[in-house]
Amino acid sequence: LLGADAWASSARLAADRLDRGLPPFPPQPAALEHLADGEYT
């Protein structure tokens, strides 16, 4: 949601992911449209 190119749940899996190269998430993360309601702000 926040635009990372990849994610891993542990250090070992993170190292494995980097070893393989980072398979990207969608290049442009979705806009956080829910923030328009002003509740977080």
PDB file of all heavy atoms in Angstrom:
ATOM      1  N   LEU A   1       0.825  -1.210   0.000  1.00  0.00           N
ATOM      2  CA  LEU A   1       0.000   0.000   0.000  1.00  0.00           C
ATOM      3  C   LEU A   1       0.858   1.258   0.000  1.00  0.00           C
ATOM      4  O   LEU A   1       0.540   2.245  -0.678  1.00  0.00           O
ATOM      5  CB  LEU A   1      -0.910  -0.009   1.235  1.00  0.00           C
ATOM      6  CG  LEU A   1      -1.782   1.227   1.447  1.00  0.00           C
ATOM      7  CD1 LEU A   1      -2.885   1.281   0.404  1.00  0.00           C
ATOM      8  CD2 LEU A   1      -2.366   1.250   2.854  1.00  0.00           C
ATOM      9  N   LEU A   2       1.971   1.221   0.740  1.00  0.00           N
ATOM     10  CA  LEU A   2       2.794   2.415   0.908  1.00  0.00           C
ATOM     11  C   LEU A   2       3.897   2.528  -0.139  1.00  0.00           C
ATOM     12  O   LEU A   2       4.676   3.476  -0.093  1.00  0.00           O
ATOM     13  CB  LEU A   2       3.395   2.425   2.313  1.00  0.00           C
ATOM     14  CG  LEU A   2       2.362   2.436   3.451  1.00  0.00           C
ATOM     15  CD1 LEU A   2       3.058   2.480   4.799  1.00  0.00           C
ATOM     16  CD2 LEU A   2       1.386   3.592   3.317  1.00  0.00           C
ATOM     17  N   GLY A   3       3.986   1.568  -1.058  1.00  0.00           N
ATOM     18  CA  GLY A   3       4.859   1.746  -2.205  1.00  0.00           C
ATOM     19  C   GLY A   3       6.200   1.058  -2.165  1.00  0.00           C
ATOM     20  O   GLY A   3       7.077   1.382  -2.974  1.00  0.00           O
ATOM     21  N   ALA A   4       6.396   0.090  -1.267  1.00  0.00           N
ATOM     22  CA  ALA A   4       7.653  -0.657  -1.287  1.00  0.00           C
ATOM     23  C   ALA A   4       7.734  -1.497  -2.558  1.00  0.00           C
ATOM     24  O   ALA A   4       6.726  -1.962  -3.084  1.00  0.00           O
ATOM     25  CB  ALA A   4       7.762  -1.560  -0.059  1.00  0.00           C
ATOM     26  N   ASP A   5       8.951  -1.710  -3.037  1.00  0.00           N
ATOM     27  CA  ASP A   5       9.138  -2.558  -4.220  1.00  0.00           C
ATOM     28  C   ASP A   5       9.026  -4.039  -3.888  1.00  0.00           C
ATOM     29  O   ASP A   5       8.705  -4.854  -4.753  1.00  0.00           O
ATOM     30  CB  ASP A   5      10.506  -2.275  -4.849  1.00  0.00           C
ATOM     31  CG  ASP A   5      10.557  -0.872  -5.444  1.00  0.00           C
ATOM     32  OD1 ASP A   5      10.028  -0.686  -6.550  1.00  0.00           O
ATOM     33  OD2 ASP A   5      11.093   0.030  -4.783  1.00  0.00           O
ATOM     34  N   ALA A   6       9.322  -4.391  -2.646  1.00  0.00           N
ATOM     35  CA  ALA A   6       9.214  -5.781  -2.214  1.00  0.00           C
ATOM     36  C   ALA A   6       9.120  -5.802  -0.703  1.00  0.00           C
ATOM     37  O   ALA A   6       9.378  -4.797  -0.023  1.00  0.00           O
ATOM     38  CB  ALA A   6      10.412  -6.600  -2.693  1.00  0.00           C
ATOM     39  N   TRP A   7       8.753  -6.944  -0.165  1.00  0.00           N
ATOM     40  CA  TRP A   7       8.583  -7.108   1.284  1.00  0.00           C
ATOM     41  C   TRP A   7       9.038  -8.505   1.665  1.00  0.00           C
ATOM     42  O   TRP A   7       8.929  -9.440   0.867  1.00  0.00           O
ATOM     43  CB  TRP A   7       7.119  -6.918   1.672  1.00  0.00           C
ATOM     44  CG  TRP A   7       6.803  -7.298   3.088  1.00  0.00           C
ATOM     45  CD1 TRP A   7       6.965  -6.527   4.205  1.00  0.00           C
ATOM     46  CD2 TRP A   7       6.278  -8.554   3.545  1.00  0.00           C
ATOM     47  NE1 TRP A   7       6.578  -7.229   5.323  1.00  0.00           N
ATOM     48  CE2 TRP A   7       6.146  -8.474   4.949  1.00  0.00           C
ATOM     49  CE3 TRP A   7       5.914  -9.741   2.899  1.00  0.00           C
ATOM     50  CZ2 TRP A   7       5.662  -9.521   5.722  1.00  0.00           C
ATOM     51  CZ3 TRP A   7       5.430 -10.798   3.670  1.00  0.00           C
ATOM     52  CH2 TRP A   7       5.314 -10.675   5.061  1.00  0.00           C
ATOM     53  N   ALA A   8       9.557  -8.639   2.881  1.00  0.00           N
ATOM     54  CA  ALA A   8       9.941  -9.957   3.396  1.00  0.00           C
ATOM     55  C   ALA A   8       9.603 -10.019   4.875  1.00  0.00           C
ATOM     56  O   ALA A   8       9.702  -9.025   5.598  1.00  0.00           O
ATOM     57  CB  ALA A   8      11.424 -10.222   3.181  1.00  0.00           C
ATOM     58  N   SER A   9       9.216 -11.194   5.325  1.00  0.00           N
ATOM     59  CA  SER A   9       8.744 -11.359   6.704  1.00  0.00           C
ATOM     60  C   SER A   9       9.858 -11.697   7.681  1.00  0.00           C
ATOM     61  O   SER A   9       9.626 -11.746   8.881  1.00  0.00           O
ATOM     62  CB  SER A   9       7.683 -12.465   6.750  1.00  0.00           C
ATOM     63  OG  SER A   9       8.233 -13.704   6.302  1.00  0.00           O
ATOM     64  N   SER A  10      11.064 -11.953   7.191  1.00  0.00           N
ATOM     65  CA  SER A  10      12.165 -12.297   8.079  1.00  0.00           C
ATOM     66  C   SER A  10      13.479 -11.905   7.424  1.00  0.00           C
ATOM     67  O   SER A  10      13.542 -11.658   6.207  1.00  0.00           O
ATOM     68  CB  SER A  10      12.173 -13.799   8.379  1.00  0.00           C
ATOM     69  OG  SER A  10      12.534 -14.538   7.221  1.00  0.00           O
ATOM     70  N   ALA A  11      14.535 -11.882   8.225  1.00  0.00           N
ATOM     71  CA  ALA A  11      15.849 -11.530   7.684  1.00  0.00           C
ATOM     72  C   ALA A  11      16.303 -12.552   6.642  1.00  0.00           C
ATOM     73  O   ALA A  11      16.884 -12.191   5.607  1.00  0.00           O
ATOM     74  CB  ALA A  11      16.868 -11.438   8.822  1.00  0.00           C
ATOM     75  N   ARG A  12      16.052 -13.820   6.893  1.00  0.00           N
ATOM     76  CA  ARG A  12      16.483 -14.850   5.941  1.00  0.00           C
ATOM     77  C   ARG A  12      15.745 -14.700   4.608  1.00  0.00           C
ATOM     78  O   ARG A  12      16.345 -14.780   3.532  1.00  0.00           O
ATOM     79  CB  ARG A  12      16.249 -16.239   6.540  1.00  0.00           C
ATOM     80  CG  ARG A  12      16.756 -17.380   5.676  1.00  0.00           C
ATOM     81  CD  ARG A  12      16.712 -18.700   6.419  1.00  0.00           C
ATOM     82  NE  ARG A  12      17.894 -18.899   7.255  1.00  0.00           N
ATOM     83  CZ  ARG A  12      17.863 -19.173   8.551  1.00  0.00           C
ATOM     84  NH1 ARG A  12      16.711 -19.261   9.190  1.00  0.00           N
ATOM     85  NH2 ARG A  12      18.990 -19.352   9.229  1.00  0.00           N
ATOM     86  N   LEU A  13      14.429 -14.462   4.687  1.00  0.00           N
ATOM     87  CA  LEU A  13      13.663 -14.290   3.454  1.00  0.00           C
ATOM     88  C   LEU A  13      14.025 -12.988   2.753  1.00  0.00           C
ATOM     89  O   LEU A  13      14.008 -12.908   1.517  1.00  0.00           O
ATOM     90  CB  LEU A  13      12.165 -14.345   3.759  1.00  0.00           C
ATOM     91  CG  LEU A  13      11.629 -15.711   4.192  1.00  0.00           C
ATOM     92  CD1 LEU A  13      10.158 -15.610   4.563  1.00  0.00           C
ATOM     93  CD2 LEU A  13      11.833 -16.752   3.091  1.00  0.00           C
ATOM     94  N   ALA A  14      14.362 -11.958   3.534  1.00  0.00           N
ATOM     95  CA  ALA A  14      14.799 -10.694   2.933  1.00  0.00           C
ATOM     96  C   ALA A  14      16.096 -10.899   2.158  1.00  0.00           C
ATOM     97  O   ALA A  14      16.258 -10.400   1.029  1.00  0.00           O
ATOM     98  CB  ALA A  14      14.984  -9.632   4.010  1.00  0.00           C
ATOM     99  N   ALA A  15      17.038 -11.646   2.750  1.00  0.00           N
ATOM    100  CA  ALA A  15      18.297 -11.920   2.058  1.00  0.00           C
ATOM    101  C   ALA A  15      18.054 -12.756   0.807  1.00  0.00           C
ATOM    102  O   ALA A  15      18.667 -12.513  -0.247  1.00  0.00           O
ATOM    103  CB  ALA A  15      19.256 -12.628   3.006  1.00  0.00           C
ATOM    104  N   ASP A  16      17.146 -13.730   0.905  1.00  0.00           N
ATOM    105  CA  ASP A  16      16.813 -14.539  -0.276  1.00  0.00           C
ATOM    106  C   ASP A  16      16.231 -13.668  -1.383  1.00  0.00           C
ATOM    107  O   ASP A  16      16.556 -13.842  -2.569  1.00  0.00           O
ATOM    108  CB  ASP A  16      15.805 -15.626   0.099  1.00  0.00           C
ATOM    109  CG  ASP A  16      16.393 -16.710   0.996  1.00  0.00           C
ATOM    110  OD1 ASP A  16      17.631 -16.786   1.098  1.00  0.00           O
ATOM    111  OD2 ASP A  16      15.599 -17.465   1.593  1.00  0.00           O
ATOM    112  N   ARG A  17      15.359 -12.726  -0.988  1.00  0.00           N
ATOM    113  CA  ARG A  17      14.727 -11.859  -1.986  1.00  0.00           C
ATOM    114  C   ARG A  17      15.763 -10.982  -2.683  1.00  0.00           C
ATOM    115  O   ARG A  17      15.725 -10.803  -3.900  1.00  0.00           O
ATOM    116  CB  ARG A  17      13.672 -10.990  -1.294  1.00  0.00           C
ATOM    117  CG  ARG A  17      12.905 -10.043  -2.212  1.00  0.00           C
ATOM    118  CD  ARG A  17      12.076 -10.806  -3.232  1.00  0.00           C
ATOM    119  NE  ARG A  17      11.010 -11.557  -2.637  1.00  0.00           N
ATOM    120  CZ  ARG A  17       9.775 -11.086  -2.415  1.00  0.00           C
ATOM    121  NH1 ARG A  17       9.493  -9.838  -2.726  1.00  0.00           N
ATOM    122  NH2 ARG A  17       8.859 -11.863  -1.901  1.00  0.00           N
ATOM    123  N   LEU A  18      16.699 -10.457  -1.929  1.00  0.00           N
ATOM    124  CA  LEU A  18      17.751  -9.640  -2.532  1.00  0.00           C
ATOM    125  C   LEU A  18      18.677 -10.487  -3.400  1.00  0.00           C
ATOM    126  O   LEU A  18      19.168 -10.030  -4.442  1.00  0.00           O
ATOM    127  CB  LEU A  18      18.540  -8.915  -1.446  1.00  0.00           C
ATOM    128  CG  LEU A  18      17.809  -7.752  -0.778  1.00  0.00           C
ATOM    129  CD1 LEU A  18      18.544  -7.297   0.481  1.00  0.00           C
ATOM    130  CD2 LEU A  18      17.641  -6.589  -1.745  1.00  0.00           C
ATOM    131  N   ASP A  19      18.920 -11.727  -2.985  1.00  0.00           N
ATOM    132  CA  ASP A  19      19.746 -12.620  -3.799  1.00  0.00           C
ATOM    133  C   ASP A  19      19.128 -12.846  -5.186  1.00  0.00           C
ATOM    134  O   ASP A  19      19.838 -12.962  -6.187  1.00  0.00           O
ATOM    135  CB  ASP A  19      19.917 -13.976  -3.101  1.00  0.00           C
ATOM    136  CG  ASP A  19      20.898 -13.914  -1.935  1.00  0.00           C
ATOM    137  OD1 ASP A  19      21.646 -12.923  -1.841  1.00  0.00           O
ATOM    138  OD2 ASP A  19      20.893 -14.850  -1.104  1.00  0.00           O
ATOM    139  N   ARG A  20      17.791 -12.906  -5.216  1.00  0.00           N
ATOM    140  CA  ARG A  20      17.092 -13.157  -6.491  1.00  0.00           C
ATOM    141  C   ARG A  20      16.864 -11.880  -7.285  1.00  0.00           C
ATOM    142  O   ARG A  20      16.486 -11.951  -8.453  1.00  0.00           O
ATOM    143  CB  ARG A  20      15.732 -13.808  -6.221  1.00  0.00           C
ATOM    144  CG  ARG A  20      15.780 -15.179  -5.543  1.00  0.00           C
ATOM    145  CD  ARG A  20      14.433 -15.869  -5.634  1.00  0.00           C
ATOM    146  NE  ARG A  20      13.342 -15.065  -5.106  1.00  0.00           N
ATOM    147  CZ  ARG A  20      12.920 -15.103  -3.849  1.00  0.00           C
ATOM    148  NH1 ARG A  20      13.524 -15.884  -2.972  1.00  0.00           N
ATOM    149  NH2 ARG A  20      11.898 -14.362  -3.467  1.00  0.00           N
ATOM    150  N   GLY A  21      17.066 -10.734  -6.660  1.00  0.00           N
ATOM    151  CA  GLY A  21      16.670  -9.466  -7.267  1.00  0.00           C
ATOM    152  C   GLY A  21      15.275  -9.109  -6.813  1.00  0.00           C
ATOM    153  O   GLY A  21      14.476  -9.989  -6.472  1.00  0.00           O
ATOM    154  N   LEU A  22      14.968  -7.826  -6.795  1.00  0.00           N
ATOM    155  CA  LEU A  22      13.688  -7.386  -6.259  1.00  0.00           C
ATOM    156  C   LEU A  22      12.593  -7.444  -7.316  1.00  0.00           C
ATOM    157  O   LEU A  22      12.565  -6.609  -8.225  1.00  0.00           O
ATOM    158  CB  LEU A  22      13.800  -5.957  -5.721  1.00  0.00           C
ATOM    159  CG  LEU A  22      14.709  -5.772  -4.503  1.00  0.00           C
ATOM    160  CD1 LEU A  22      14.648  -4.323  -4.025  1.00  0.00           C
ATOM    161  CD2 LEU A  22      14.333  -6.715  -3.374  1.00  0.00           C
ATOM    162  N   PRO A  23      11.683  -8.420  -7.218  1.00  0.00           N
ATOM    163  CA  PRO A  23      10.519  -8.397  -8.125  1.00  0.00           C
ATOM    164  C   PRO A  23       9.591  -7.274  -7.686  1.00  0.00           C
ATOM    165  O   PRO A  23       9.138  -7.251  -6.550  1.00  0.00           O
ATOM    166  CB  PRO A  23       9.879  -9.773  -7.905  1.00  0.00           C
ATOM    167  CG  PRO A  23      10.315 -10.184  -6.548  1.00  0.00           C
ATOM    168  CD  PRO A  23      11.650  -9.548  -6.297  1.00  0.00           C
ATOM    169  N   PRO A  24       9.321  -6.324  -8.537  1.00  0.00           N
ATOM    170  CA  PRO A  24       8.613  -5.128  -8.085  1.00  0.00           C
ATOM    171  C   PRO A  24       7.138  -5.358  -7.822  1.00  0.00           C
ATOM    172  O   PRO A  24       6.496  -6.193  -8.450  1.00  0.00           O
ATOM    173  CB  PRO A  24       8.805  -4.148  -9.242  1.00  0.00           C
ATOM    174  CG  PRO A  24       8.970  -5.021 -10.434  1.00  0.00           C
ATOM    175  CD  PRO A  24       9.688  -6.253  -9.945  1.00  0.00           C
ATOM    176  N   PHE A  25       6.618  -4.608  -6.864  1.00  0.00           N
ATOM    177  CA  PHE A  25       5.189  -4.430  -6.717  1.00  0.00           C
ATOM    178  C   PHE A  25       4.753  -3.508  -7.866  1.00  0.00           C
ATOM    179  O   PHE A  25       5.583  -3.003  -8.619  1.00  0.00           O
ATOM    180  CB  PHE A  25       4.866  -3.786  -5.374  1.00  0.00           C
ATOM    181  CG  PHE A  25       5.032  -4.705  -4.197  1.00  0.00           C
ATOM    182  CD1 PHE A  25       5.436  -4.202  -2.978  1.00  0.00           C
ATOM    183  CD2 PHE A  25       4.782  -6.067  -4.301  1.00  0.00           C
ATOM    184  CE1 PHE A  25       5.594  -5.026  -1.879  1.00  0.00           C
ATOM    185  CE2 PHE A  25       4.927  -6.897  -3.213  1.00  0.00           C
ATOM    186  CZ  PHE A  25       5.339  -6.377  -1.996  1.00  0.00           C
ATOM    187  N   PRO A  26       3.462  -3.266  -8.029  1.00  0.00           N
ATOM    188  CA  PRO A  26       3.034  -2.302  -9.061  1.00  0.00           C
ATOM    189  C   PRO A  26       3.828  -1.000  -8.931  1.00  0.00           C
ATOM    190  O   PRO A  26       4.021  -0.487  -7.831  1.00  0.00           O
ATOM    191  CB  PRO A  26       1.547  -2.097  -8.726  1.00  0.00           C
ATOM    192  CG  PRO A  26       1.136  -3.390  -8.114  1.00  0.00           C
ATOM    193  CD  PRO A  26       2.331  -3.867  -7.332  1.00  0.00           C
ATOM    194  N   PRO A  27       4.320  -0.467 -10.062  1.00  0.00           N
ATOM    195  CA  PRO A  27       5.259   0.651 -10.008  1.00  0.00           C
ATOM    196  C   PRO A  27       4.729   1.892  -9.310  1.00  0.00           C
ATOM    197  O   PRO A  27       5.482   2.628  -8.707  1.00  0.00           O
ATOM    198  CB  PRO A  27       5.563   0.935 -11.484  1.00  0.00           C
ATOM    199  CG  PRO A  27       4.455   0.282 -12.245  1.00  0.00           C
ATOM    200  CD  PRO A  27       4.022  -0.880 -11.433  1.00  0.00           C
ATOM    201  N   GLN A  28       3.433   2.124  -9.361  1.00  0.00           N
ATOM    202  CA  GLN A  28       2.886   3.304  -8.718  1.00  0.00           C
ATOM    203  C   GLN A  28       1.896   2.862  -7.656  1.00  0.00           C
ATOM    204  O   GLN A  28       0.855   2.296  -7.969  1.00  0.00           O
ATOM    205  CB  GLN A  28       2.191   4.208  -9.747  1.00  0.00           C
ATOM    206  CG  GLN A  28       1.932   5.627  -9.270  1.00  0.00           C
ATOM    207  CD  GLN A  28       3.224   6.353  -8.926  1.00  0.00           C
ATOM    208  OE1 GLN A  28       4.247   6.141  -9.554  1.00  0.00           O
ATOM    209  NE2 GLN A  28       3.177   7.198  -7.914  1.00  0.00           N
ATOM    210  N   PRO A  29       2.181   3.076  -6.375  1.00  0.00           N
ATOM    211  CA  PRO A  29       1.245   2.640  -5.333  1.00  0.00           C
ATOM    212  C   PRO A  29      -0.077   3.387  -5.433  1.00  0.00           C
ATOM    213  O   PRO A  29      -0.143   4.514  -5.926  1.00  0.00           O
ATOM    214  CB  PRO A  29       1.976   2.997  -4.034  1.00  0.00           C
ATOM    215  CG  PRO A  29       2.938   4.081  -4.414  1.00  0.00           C
ATOM    216  CD  PRO A  29       3.345   3.764  -5.815  1.00  0.00           C
ATOM    217  N   ALA A  30      -1.118   2.724  -4.964  1.00  0.00           N
ATOM    218  CA  ALA A  30      -2.441   3.348  -5.003  1.00  0.00           C
ATOM    219  C   ALA A  30      -2.466   4.583  -4.104  1.00  0.00           C
ATOM    220  O   ALA A  30      -1.820   4.631  -3.053  1.00  0.00           O
ATOM    221  CB  ALA A  30      -3.485   2.337  -4.538  1.00  0.00           C
ATOM    222  N   ALA A  31      -3.223   5.579  -4.530  1.00  0.00           N
ATOM    223  CA  ALA A  31      -3.392   6.769  -3.693  1.00  0.00           C
ATOM    224  C   ALA A  31      -4.178   6.397  -2.442  1.00  0.00           C
ATOM    225  O   ALA A  31      -5.096   5.575  -2.481  1.00  0.00           O
ATOM    226  CB  ALA A  31      -4.127   7.842  -4.488  1.00  0.00           C
ATOM    227  N   LEU A  32      -3.815   6.988  -1.324  1.00  0.00           N
ATOM    228  CA  LEU A  32      -4.507   6.716  -0.065  1.00  0.00           C
ATOM    229  C   LEU A  32      -5.750   7.606  -0.001  1.00  0.00           C
ATOM    230  O   LEU A  32      -5.835   8.562   0.775  1.00  0.00           O
ATOM    231  CB  LEU A  32      -3.564   6.985   1.111  1.00  0.00           C
ATOM    232  CG  LEU A  32      -2.237   6.214   1.100  1.00  0.00           C
ATOM    233  CD1 LEU A  32      -1.456   6.477   2.382  1.00  0.00           C
ATOM    234  CD2 LEU A  32      -2.472   4.725   0.918  1.00  0.00           C
ATOM    235  N   GLU A  33      -6.741   7.237  -0.809  1.00  0.00           N
ATOM    236  CA  GLU A  33      -7.924   8.079  -0.952  1.00  0.00           C
ATOM    237  C   GLU A  33      -8.718   8.200   0.339  1.00  0.00           C
ATOM    238  O   GLU A  33      -9.430   9.191   0.554  1.00  0.00           O
ATOM    239  CB  GLU A  33      -8.812   7.531  -2.075  1.00  0.00           C
ATOM    240  CG  GLU A  33      -8.136   7.592  -3.453  1.00  0.00           C
ATOM    241  CD  GLU A  33      -8.992   6.993  -4.547  1.00  0.00           C
ATOM    242  OE1 GLU A  33     -10.075   6.450  -4.221  1.00  0.00           O
ATOM    243  OE2 GLU A  33      -8.590   7.057  -5.720  1.00  0.00           O
ATOM    244  N   HIS A  34      -8.610   7.200   1.210  1.00  0.00           N
ATOM    245  CA  HIS A  34      -9.360   7.248   2.463  1.00  0.00           C
ATOM    246  C   HIS A  34      -8.925   8.407   3.354  1.00  0.00           C
ATOM    247  O   HIS A  34      -9.674   8.839   4.226  1.00  0.00           O
ATOM    248  CB  HIS A  34      -9.202   5.929   3.217  1.00  0.00           C
ATOM    249  CG  HIS A  34      -7.773   5.526   3.432  1.00  0.00           C
ATOM    250  ND1 HIS A  34      -7.066   4.761   2.522  1.00  0.00           N
ATOM    251  CD2 HIS A  34      -6.910   5.788   4.440  1.00  0.00           C
ATOM    252  CE1 HIS A  34      -5.843   4.574   2.966  1.00  0.00           C
ATOM    253  NE2 HIS A  34      -5.713   5.189   4.128  1.00  0.00           N
ATOM    254  N   LEU A  35      -7.706   8.934   3.135  1.00  0.00           N
ATOM    255  CA  LEU A  35      -7.238  10.046   3.964  1.00  0.00           C
ATOM    256  C   LEU A  35      -8.000  11.335   3.689  1.00  0.00           C
ATOM    257  O   LEU A  35      -7.903  12.291   4.471  1.00  0.00           O
ATOM    258  CB  LEU A  35      -5.734  10.267   3.737  1.00  0.00           C
ATOM    259  CG  LEU A  35      -4.813   9.130   4.180  1.00  0.00           C
ATOM    260  CD1 LEU A  35      -3.360   9.485   3.889  1.00  0.00           C
ATOM    261  CD2 LEU A  35      -4.984   8.823   5.662  1.00  0.00           C
ATOM    262  N   ALA A  36      -8.781  11.352   2.608  1.00  0.00           N
ATOM    263  CA  ALA A  36      -9.551  12.556   2.276  1.00  0.00           C
ATOM    264  C   ALA A  36     -10.607  12.866   3.329  1.00  0.00           C
ATOM    265  O   ALA A  36     -11.070  14.019   3.415  1.00  0.00           O
ATOM    266  CB  ALA A  36     -10.207  12.395   0.908  1.00  0.00           C
ATOM    267  N   ASP A  37     -10.991  11.885   4.152  1.00  0.00           N
ATOM    268  CA  ASP A  37     -12.015  12.166   5.164  1.00  0.00           C
ATOM    269  C   ASP A  37     -11.482  12.975   6.341  1.00  0.00           C
ATOM    270  O   ASP A  37     -12.246  13.437   7.192  1.00  0.00           O
ATOM    271  CB  ASP A  37     -12.668  10.867   5.669  1.00  0.00           C
ATOM    272  CG  ASP A  37     -11.687   9.926   6.383  1.00  0.00           C
ATOM    273  OD1 ASP A  37     -10.574  10.348   6.751  1.00  0.00           O
ATOM    274  OD2 ASP A  37     -12.054   8.742   6.580  1.00  0.00           O
ATOM    275  N   GLY A  38     -10.156  13.162   6.410  1.00  0.00           N
ATOM    276  CA  GLY A  38      -9.571  14.015   7.438  1.00  0.00           C
ATOM    277  C   GLY A  38      -9.464  13.394   8.814  1.00  0.00           C
ATOM    278  O   GLY A  38      -8.977  14.049   9.753  1.00  0.00           O
ATOM    279  N   GLU A  39      -9.861  12.128   8.978  1.00  0.00           N
ATOM    280  CA  GLU A  39      -9.845  11.531  10.316  1.00  0.00           C
ATOM    281  C   GLU A  39      -8.422  11.350  10.831  1.00  0.00           C
ATOM    282  O   GLU A  39      -8.126  11.660  11.994  1.00  0.00           O
ATOM    283  CB  GLU A  39     -10.598  10.200  10.308  1.00  0.00           C
ATOM    284  CG  GLU A  39     -12.089  10.365  10.062  1.00  0.00           C
ATOM    285  CD  GLU A  39     -12.884   9.119  10.417  1.00  0.00           C
ATOM    286  OE1 GLU A  39     -12.433   8.327  11.279  1.00  0.00           O
ATOM    287  OE2 GLU A  39     -13.975   8.932   9.843  1.00  0.00           O
ATOM    288  N   TYR A  40      -7.531  10.854   9.973  1.00  0.00           N
ATOM    289  CA  TYR A  40      -6.144  10.699  10.415  1.00  0.00           C
ATOM    290  C   TYR A  40      -5.532  12.059  10.740  1.00  0.00           C
ATOM    291  O   TYR A  40      -4.872  12.227  11.770  1.00  0.00           O
ATOM    292  CB  TYR A  40      -5.298   9.997   9.348  1.00  0.00           C
ATOM    293  CG  TYR A  40      -3.815  10.138   9.632  1.00  0.00           C
ATOM    294  CD1 TYR A  40      -3.206   9.368  10.614  1.00  0.00           C
ATOM    295  CD2 TYR A  40      -3.040  11.089   8.960  1.00  0.00           C
ATOM    296  CE1 TYR A  40      -1.864   9.524  10.909  1.00  0.00           C
ATOM    297  CE2 TYR A  40      -1.698  11.244   9.246  1.00  0.00           C
ATOM    298  CZ  TYR A  40      -1.114  10.461  10.227  1.00  0.00           C
ATOM    299  OH  TYR A  40       0.211  10.625  10.539  1.00  0.00           O
ATOM    300  N   THR A  41      -5.745  13.032   9.874  1.00  0.00           N
ATOM    301  CA  THR A  41      -5.161  14.357  10.078  1.00  0.00           C
ATOM    302  C   THR A  41      -5.625  14.963  11.395  1.00  0.00           C
ATOM    303  O   THR A  41      -4.818  15.534  12.149  1.00  0.00           O
ATOM    304  CB  THR A  41      -5.545  15.278   8.911  1.00  0.00           C
ATOM    305  OG1 THR A  41      -5.094  14.684   7.683  1.00  0.00           O
ATOM    306  CG2 THR A  41      -4.911  16.647   9.071  1.00  0.00           C
TER     307      THR A  41
END
